[in-house]
Every structure is written in structure tokens, then in C-alpha cells.
C-alpha atoms as a PDB file:
ATOM      1  CA  UNK A   1      -0.238 -38.258 -62.401  1.00  0.00           C
ATOM      2  CA  UNK A   2       2.617 -40.767 -63.381  1.00  0.00           C
ATOM      3  CA  UNK A   3       2.667 -44.503 -63.557  1.00  0.00           C
ATOM      4  CA  UNK A   4       6.378 -45.087 -61.373  1.00  0.00           C
ATOM      5  CA  UNK A   5       7.683 -49.014 -61.320  1.00  0.00           C
ATOM      6  CA  UNK A   6       9.035 -50.267 -58.238  1.00  0.00           C
ATOM      7  CA  UNK A   7      11.952 -52.367 -56.776  1.00  0.00           C
ATOM      8  CA  UNK A   8       9.472 -56.029 -56.926  1.00  0.00           C
ATOM      9  CA  UNK A   9      10.614 -55.423 -61.239  1.00  0.00           C
ATOM     10  CA  UNK A  10      12.247 -58.648 -62.594  1.00  0.00           C
ATOM     11  CA  UNK A  11      12.774 -57.149 -65.335  1.00  0.00           C
ATOM     12  CA  UNK A  12      10.512 -59.364 -67.688  1.00  0.00           C
ATOM     13  CA  UNK A  13       9.372 -56.653 -70.174  1.00  0.00           C
ATOM     14  CA  UNK A  14       5.761 -57.517 -70.298  1.00  0.00           C
ATOM     15  CA  UNK A  15       5.275 -54.223 -69.912  1.00  0.00           C
ATOM     16  CA  UNK A  16       6.686 -52.657 -72.594  1.00  0.00           C
ATOM     17  CA  UNK A  17       4.636 -53.562 -75.310  1.00  0.00           C
ATOM     18  CA  UNK A  18       1.652 -52.113 -73.152  1.00  0.00           C
ATOM     19  CA  UNK A  19       3.025 -48.126 -73.236  1.00  0.00           C
ATOM     20  CA  UNK A  20       0.964 -46.598 -76.190  1.00  0.00           C
ATOM     21  CA  UNK A  21       3.222 -43.747 -75.852  1.00  0.00           C
ATOM     22  CA  UNK A  22       6.895 -45.899 -74.785  1.00  0.00           C
ATOM     23  CA  UNK A  23       7.469 -44.749 -71.831  1.00  0.00           C
ATOM     24  CA  UNK A  24       8.836 -47.162 -70.151  1.00  0.00           C
ATOM     25  CA  UNK A  25      12.899 -47.839 -70.570  1.00  0.00           C
ATOM     26  CA  UNK A  26      14.450 -51.545 -70.001  1.00  0.00           C
ATOM     27  CA  UNK A  27      17.488 -51.877 -67.833  1.00  0.00           C
ATOM     28  CA  UNK A  28      18.273 -53.260 -64.121  1.00  0.00           C
ATOM     29  CA  UNK A  29      15.113 -52.125 -62.950  1.00  0.00           C
ATOM     30  CA  UNK A  30      12.345 -50.172 -65.880  1.00  0.00           C
ATOM     31  CA  UNK A  31      12.439 -47.232 -65.842  1.00  0.00           C
ATOM     32  CA  UNK A  32       8.309 -44.866 -66.491  1.00  0.00           C
ATOM     33  CA  UNK A  33       9.225 -41.650 -67.971  1.00  0.00           C
ATOM     34  CA  UNK A  34       6.540 -38.962 -65.924  1.00  0.00           C
ATOM     35  CA  UNK A  35       7.049 -37.009 -69.098  1.00  0.00           C
ATOM     36  CA  UNK A  36       5.371 -39.644 -71.240  1.00  0.00           C
ATOM     37  CA  UNK A  37       3.217 -40.906 -69.554  1.00  0.00           C
ATOM     38  CA  UNK A  38      -0.704 -40.988 -70.039  1.00  0.00           C
ATOM     39  CA  UNK A  39      -1.793 -43.293 -66.395  1.00  0.00           C
ATOM     40  CA  UNK A  40      -2.972 -45.632 -68.719  1.00  0.00           C
ATOM     41  CA  UNK A  41      -2.203 -48.124 -66.737  1.00  0.00           C
ATOM     42  CA  UNK A  42      -2.133 -51.046 -69.181  1.00  0.00           C
ATOM     43  CA  UNK A  43       1.046 -51.692 -67.080  1.00  0.00           C
ATOM     44  CA  UNK A  44      -0.235 -52.406 -64.954  1.00  0.00           C
ATOM     45  CA  UNK A  45      -2.379 -54.900 -65.651  1.00  0.00           C
ATOM     46  CA  UNK A  46       0.365 -56.913 -67.171  1.00  0.00           C
ATOM     47  CA  UNK A  47       2.806 -57.118 -64.508  1.00  0.00           C
ATOM     48  CA  UNK A  48       3.639 -60.252 -63.317  1.00  0.00           C
ATOM     49  CA  UNK A  49       4.856 -58.909 -60.075  1.00  0.00           C
ATOM     50  CA  UNK A  50       2.536 -56.250 -59.166  1.00  0.00           C
ATOM     51  CA  UNK A  51       5.458 -53.924 -59.480  1.00  0.00           C
ATOM     52  CA  UNK A  52       4.290 -50.522 -61.263  1.00  0.00           C
ATOM     53  CA  UNK A  53       1.729 -48.194 -59.094  1.00  0.00           C
ATOM     54  CA  UNK A  54       0.172 -44.954 -60.339  1.00  0.00           C
ATOM     55  CA  UNK A  55       3.250 -42.851 -58.234  1.00  0.00           C
END
């Protein structure tokens, strides 16, 4: 099960370096590629708006 990023995302970039498999893509709202996500949760721990959750 991959994680997803909600509309609460403020595109701050804090989650990107936390992803060991480069599954997070930048944009107005960031997106997690479910085929790459290993469900480690490292991005969840650093998100200041709690915009990342399990799918």
C-alpha cells in the first residue's frame, strides 16, 4: 500500500529528501508514485501539514 498526498500539501519540499526511493514528484501539490513507494512512512513524519497518509 502506497502513501498519498492530499490537497493540504503546501509544496514545501521537506518530504522529498526523506524518500529513499525517489517516489515523490514536485508540482503545485506533490504526488507519490505508488509503484515506487515502499510504504516506509518517512515522508509522513516530516510533513508539516500532515498531508501525507496511507492510501
